[in-house]
Protein backbone atom coordinates (compact mmCIF):
# COMPACT_ATOMS: atom_id res chain seq x y z
CA MET A 1 -6.26 9.38 -18.73
CA SER A 2 -9.30 9.12 -16.34
CA TYR A 3 -8.89 6.32 -13.43
CA PHE A 4 -11.91 4.63 -12.24
CA PRO A 5 -12.25 5.34 -8.21
CA ILE A 6 -12.79 1.64 -6.75
CA PHE A 7 -13.54 1.16 -2.53
CA ILE A 8 -12.60 -2.78 -1.65
CA ASP A 9 -13.27 -4.28 1.45
CA MET A 10 -9.84 -5.39 2.29
CA THR A 11 -10.29 -7.24 5.45
CA ASP A 12 -8.21 -10.32 5.79
CA ARG A 13 -7.20 -9.72 2.07
CA GLN A 14 -3.49 -11.12 1.40
CA VAL A 15 -1.19 -7.85 0.39
CA LEU A 16 2.23 -8.59 -0.31
CA VAL A 17 4.40 -5.30 0.27
CA VAL A 18 8.15 -5.52 -0.69
CA GLY A 19 10.66 -3.11 0.99
CA ALA A 20 10.16 -0.80 4.46
CA GLY A 21 11.17 2.30 4.01
CA SER A 22 9.05 6.05 4.58
CA VAL A 23 7.08 4.78 1.30
CA ALA A 24 5.84 1.11 2.08
CA SER A 25 5.81 2.02 6.05
CA ARG A 26 3.05 4.65 5.19
CA ARG A 27 1.09 2.29 2.75
CA VAL A 28 1.48 -0.84 4.90
CA GLY A 29 0.11 1.85 7.68
CA VAL A 30 -3.12 2.44 5.52
CA LEU A 31 -3.76 -1.35 4.65
CA GLU A 32 -3.31 -2.16 8.12
CA LYS A 33 -6.30 0.22 9.09
CA PHE A 34 -8.51 -1.08 6.58
CA GLY A 35 -7.87 -5.02 8.35
CA ALA A 36 -5.47 -5.71 5.23
CA ALA A 37 -3.44 -9.51 5.95
CA ILE A 38 0.10 -7.98 4.75
CA THR A 39 2.99 -9.77 4.49
CA VAL A 40 6.43 -7.49 4.02
CA ILE A 41 9.48 -8.33 2.49
CA ALA A 42 12.52 -6.53 4.22
CA PRO A 43 16.42 -7.19 5.02
CA ASN A 44 16.19 -4.23 6.57
CA THR A 45 12.89 -1.76 8.72
CA SER A 46 11.32 1.36 9.60
CA GLU A 47 10.61 1.91 13.01
CA GLU A 48 6.86 1.77 11.82
CA ILE A 49 6.94 -1.35 10.50
CA ARG A 50 8.91 -3.07 13.31
CA LYS A 51 6.50 -1.76 15.52
CA LEU A 52 3.03 -3.32 13.48
CA ALA A 53 5.65 -6.94 12.96
CA ASP A 54 6.26 -6.83 17.30
CA SER A 55 2.55 -5.91 17.71
CA ARG A 56 1.96 -8.93 15.31
CA LYS A 57 -0.56 -7.09 12.52
CA ILE A 58 1.70 -7.61 9.76
CA ARG A 59 3.97 -10.45 8.92
CA LEU A 60 7.62 -9.75 8.60
CA ILE A 61 10.33 -11.68 6.82
CA GLU A 62 13.41 -9.79 6.84
CA GLN A 63 15.32 -11.03 3.52
CA THR A 64 15.65 -9.97 0.19
CA TYR A 65 12.59 -10.42 -2.26
CA GLU A 66 15.45 -12.80 -4.01
CA GLU A 67 15.81 -14.71 -0.86
CA VAL A 68 11.94 -15.61 -0.70
CA ARG A 69 10.69 -15.43 -4.18
CA ASP A 70 10.22 -18.72 -4.97
CA THR A 71 8.53 -19.77 -2.17
CA ILE A 72 6.33 -17.16 -1.21
CA TRP A 73 3.95 -16.79 -4.30
CA GLN A 74 3.30 -20.83 -2.85
CA GLU A 75 2.57 -19.99 0.29
CA LYS A 76 0.22 -17.19 -0.05
CA ASN A 77 -2.99 -16.22 -2.48
CA PHE A 78 -2.04 -12.44 -2.53
CA PHE A 79 -4.53 -10.22 -3.75
CA MET A 80 -2.22 -7.44 -4.39
CA ALA A 81 1.70 -6.91 -4.55
CA LEU A 82 2.98 -2.94 -3.50
CA ALA A 83 6.79 -3.03 -5.30
CA ALA A 84 8.79 -0.52 -2.56
CA THR A 85 12.35 -1.42 -3.03
CA GLY A 86 13.68 1.84 -5.07
CA GLN A 87 15.75 -1.17 -6.70
CA THR A 88 14.78 -1.43 -10.34
CA GLY A 89 15.77 -4.81 -11.14
CA THR A 90 14.21 -6.41 -7.86
CA ASP A 91 10.83 -4.45 -8.89
CA ALA A 92 10.62 -5.26 -12.09
CA GLY A 93 10.78 -8.75 -10.63
CA ILE A 94 7.93 -8.03 -8.56
CA LYS A 95 5.84 -6.64 -10.91
CA GLU A 96 6.36 -10.31 -13.41
CA ASP A 97 5.60 -12.24 -10.60
CA ALA A 98 2.16 -10.31 -9.69
CA SER A 99 1.57 -10.47 -13.42
CA SER A 100 2.05 -14.20 -13.68
CA HIS A 101 -0.21 -15.06 -10.86
CA SER A 102 -2.89 -12.48 -11.24
CA VAL A 103 -2.35 -10.24 -8.44
CA TRP A 104 -3.28 -6.39 -9.21
CA PHE A 105 0.29 -4.41 -8.83
CA ASN A 106 1.79 -1.25 -8.04
CA MET A 107 5.12 0.15 -7.96
CA ALA A 108 6.27 3.18 -5.83
CA SER A 109 9.27 4.00 -7.60
CA ASP A 110 7.30 4.22 -11.58
CA LYS A 111 3.75 4.71 -11.69
CA SER A 112 3.74 4.15 -15.41
CA GLN A 113 4.40 0.08 -14.30
CA SER A 114 1.67 0.02 -11.88
CA GLU A 115 -2.17 -1.02 -12.62
CA PHE A 116 -3.16 0.99 -10.16
CA TYR A 117 -2.68 4.13 -7.83
CA PHE A 118 -2.28 4.12 -4.17
CA PRO A 119 -4.68 7.30 -3.17
CA ALA A 120 -3.95 9.97 -0.46
CA ILE A 121 -7.08 8.51 2.13
CA ALA A 122 -9.35 10.90 4.06
CA GLN A 123 -11.31 9.69 6.50
CA GLY A 124 -13.97 10.45 8.51
CA ARG A 125 -16.75 8.56 10.90
CA GLU A 126 -18.82 7.23 8.05
CA LEU A 127 -16.75 8.44 4.89
CA THR A 128 -14.02 7.60 3.16
CA ALA A 129 -12.58 9.25 0.09
CA GLY A 130 -9.77 8.42 -1.83
CA LEU A 131 -7.84 11.16 -4.12
CA ILE A 132 -5.13 10.82 -6.84
CA SER A 133 -3.86 12.95 -9.58
CA GLY A 134 -2.53 10.27 -11.61
CA GLY A 135 0.89 10.84 -10.98
CA ALA A 136 0.29 14.17 -12.59
CA ASP A 137 0.57 16.68 -9.57
CA PRO A 138 1.28 14.85 -6.21
CA GLY A 139 1.33 17.98 -4.34
CA LEU A 140 -2.64 18.99 -5.09
CA THR A 141 -3.74 15.57 -4.17
CA HIS A 142 -1.83 15.93 -0.77
CA ARG A 143 -2.95 19.56 -0.18
CA VAL A 144 -6.91 18.55 -0.88
CA ALA A 145 -6.55 15.48 1.40
CA LYS A 146 -5.58 17.69 3.67
CA GLU A 147 -9.04 19.94 3.21
CA VAL A 148 -11.13 17.24 3.31
CA ARG A 149 -9.26 15.49 6.52
CA ARG A 150 -10.15 18.84 8.10
CA VAL A 151 -13.87 19.06 6.67
CA LEU A 152 -14.16 15.91 8.12
CA ALA A 153 -13.04 16.32 11.56
CA GLU A 154 -14.97 19.51 11.47
CA ALA A 155 -18.21 17.33 10.32
CA GLU A 156 -17.70 14.66 12.93
CA VAL A 157 -17.31 17.46 15.63
CA GLU A 158 -20.45 19.45 14.49
CA ASP A 159 -22.51 15.95 14.74
CA THR A 160 -21.45 15.43 18.30
């Protein structure tokens, strides 16, 4: 299957991330750099998530999704929701809620449940590349993204 690449201005777009492990932390870090307004729900957080919350770059709710499920969707009009809890029932509930609110959804643990892929990002001064393999070969995606980052870094040095 082929996926259509799309680039969206994420500035101040409301994003819900449920979970705060390594996958969620990487995704939150990328989304924060692109200006998204991020709400993270997780009873336990990674150091990276904690630092972003302490610096007020993201909103952190230190509860389970089930504890705030009824109120969180009334508080914010989310554009995107990312489920990264690793708990099948919780992630399925987030998907159901996102669908009922017409919110783009991604499940870290099961790409077949996702409406979009979260790409590997390579950025240079004026270029942004997003790379996916459709879940077929994450290793290849990682290697190509690393190479694109190297080329972009070289181009910046040459331009100065």
